């Protein structure tokens, strides 16, 4: 089963993911971390589900590691 970073049901606390922070959207630089909270309320989002990492960083999931 392939997990989709654009589907909310595939994202859960404790998953290791790579996200793009708001400030890095132009460059596409990714930040890796562990999901603490899911911030997107809709079931899916075309640019990735927005999450807060354990580190406190907030961004959209690009890849589930």
C-alpha atoms as a PDB file:
ATOM      1  CA  UNK A   1       0.000   0.000   0.000  1.00  0.00           C
ATOM      2  CA  UNK A   2       1.371   3.396  -1.017  1.00  0.00           C
ATOM      3  CA  UNK A   3       0.804   6.249   1.450  1.00  0.00           C
ATOM      4  CA  UNK A   4      -0.248   9.522  -0.206  1.00  0.00           C
ATOM      5  CA  UNK A   5       0.975  12.787   1.404  1.00  0.00           C
ATOM      6  CA  UNK A   6      -2.107  14.523  -0.061  1.00  0.00           C
ATOM      7  CA  UNK A   7      -4.603  12.263   1.796  1.00  0.00           C
ATOM      8  CA  UNK A   8      -5.289  13.089   5.445  1.00  0.00           C
ATOM      9  CA  UNK A   9      -6.166   9.473   6.297  1.00  0.00           C
ATOM     10  CA  UNK A  10      -2.600   8.396   5.382  1.00  0.00           C
ATOM     11  CA  UNK A  11      -0.986  10.867   7.823  1.00  0.00           C
ATOM     12  CA  UNK A  12      -0.875  10.138  11.562  1.00  0.00           C
ATOM     13  CA  UNK A  13       1.068  11.228  14.627  1.00  0.00           C
ATOM     14  CA  UNK A  14       4.433   9.516  14.951  1.00  0.00           C
ATOM     15  CA  UNK A  15       5.053   9.118  11.201  1.00  0.00           C
ATOM     16  CA  UNK A  16       8.411  10.301   9.865  1.00  0.00           C
ATOM     17  CA  UNK A  17       7.808  12.723   6.990  1.00  0.00           C
ATOM     18  CA  UNK A  18       9.491  15.406   4.932  1.00  0.00           C
ATOM     19  CA  UNK A  19       7.693  18.737   4.728  1.00  0.00           C
ATOM     20  CA  UNK A  20       8.149  22.069   2.967  1.00  0.00           C
ATOM     21  CA  UNK A  21       8.033  25.031   5.339  1.00  0.00           C
ATOM     22  CA  UNK A  22       6.193  28.190   4.205  1.00  0.00           C
ATOM     23  CA  UNK A  23       9.490  30.095   3.941  1.00  0.00           C
ATOM     24  CA  UNK A  24      10.976  27.309   1.773  1.00  0.00           C
ATOM     25  CA  UNK A  25       8.105  26.975  -0.728  1.00  0.00           C
ATOM     26  CA  UNK A  26       9.967  28.859  -3.470  1.00  0.00           C
ATOM     27  CA  UNK A  27      13.183  26.839  -3.118  1.00  0.00           C
ATOM     28  CA  UNK A  28      11.418  23.542  -2.361  1.00  0.00           C
ATOM     29  CA  UNK A  29      13.854  22.824   0.507  1.00  0.00           C
ATOM     30  CA  UNK A  30      12.511  20.000   2.659  1.00  0.00           C
ATOM     31  CA  UNK A  31      12.631  19.491   6.406  1.00  0.00           C
ATOM     32  CA  UNK A  32      12.382  16.019   7.948  1.00  0.00           C
ATOM     33  CA  UNK A  33      10.716  15.212  11.222  1.00  0.00           C
ATOM     34  CA  UNK A  34       8.062  13.305  13.115  1.00  0.00           C
ATOM     35  CA  UNK A  35       4.393  14.358  12.930  1.00  0.00           C
ATOM     36  CA  UNK A  36       2.956  15.735  16.177  1.00  0.00           C
ATOM     37  CA  UNK A  37      -0.336  17.326  14.998  1.00  0.00           C
ATOM     38  CA  UNK A  38      -2.351  17.304  11.768  1.00  0.00           C
ATOM     39  CA  UNK A  39      -3.511  20.843  10.959  1.00  0.00           C
ATOM     40  CA  UNK A  40      -5.474  20.279   7.721  1.00  0.00           C
ATOM     41  CA  UNK A  41      -9.122  19.494   8.472  1.00  0.00           C
ATOM     42  CA  UNK A  42     -10.216  18.554   4.937  1.00  0.00           C
ATOM     43  CA  UNK A  43      -9.789  14.902   3.805  1.00  0.00           C
ATOM     44  CA  UNK A  44      -7.213  15.875   1.151  1.00  0.00           C
ATOM     45  CA  UNK A  45      -5.218  18.868  -0.103  1.00  0.00           C
ATOM     46  CA  UNK A  46      -3.552  19.242  -3.532  1.00  0.00           C
ATOM     47  CA  UNK A  47      -0.309  20.653  -2.043  1.00  0.00           C
ATOM     48  CA  UNK A  48      -0.033  18.176   0.828  1.00  0.00           C
ATOM     49  CA  UNK A  49      -1.520  17.891   4.303  1.00  0.00           C
ATOM     50  CA  UNK A  50      -0.351  20.609   6.716  1.00  0.00           C
ATOM     51  CA  UNK A  51       1.235  19.234   9.886  1.00  0.00           C
ATOM     52  CA  UNK A  52       3.159  20.358  12.956  1.00  0.00           C
ATOM     53  CA  UNK A  53       6.299  18.358  13.667  1.00  0.00           C
ATOM     54  CA  UNK A  54       7.576  17.419  17.135  1.00  0.00           C
ATOM     55  CA  UNK A  55      10.233  20.127  16.567  1.00  0.00           C
ATOM     56  CA  UNK A  56       7.470  22.750  16.217  1.00  0.00           C
ATOM     57  CA  UNK A  57       7.987  23.311  12.477  1.00  0.00           C
ATOM     58  CA  UNK A  58       4.785  23.649  10.427  1.00  0.00           C
ATOM     59  CA  UNK A  59       4.535  22.758   6.745  1.00  0.00           C
ATOM     60  CA  UNK A  60       2.917  20.625   4.081  1.00  0.00           C
ATOM     61  CA  UNK A  61       3.857  16.943   3.787  1.00  0.00           C
ATOM     62  CA  UNK A  62       5.716  16.175   0.569  1.00  0.00           C
ATOM     63  CA  UNK A  63       6.803  12.636   1.325  1.00  0.00           C
ATOM     64  CA  UNK A  64       6.124   9.951   3.916  1.00  0.00           C
ATOM     65  CA  UNK A  65       9.437   8.329   4.878  1.00  0.00           C
END
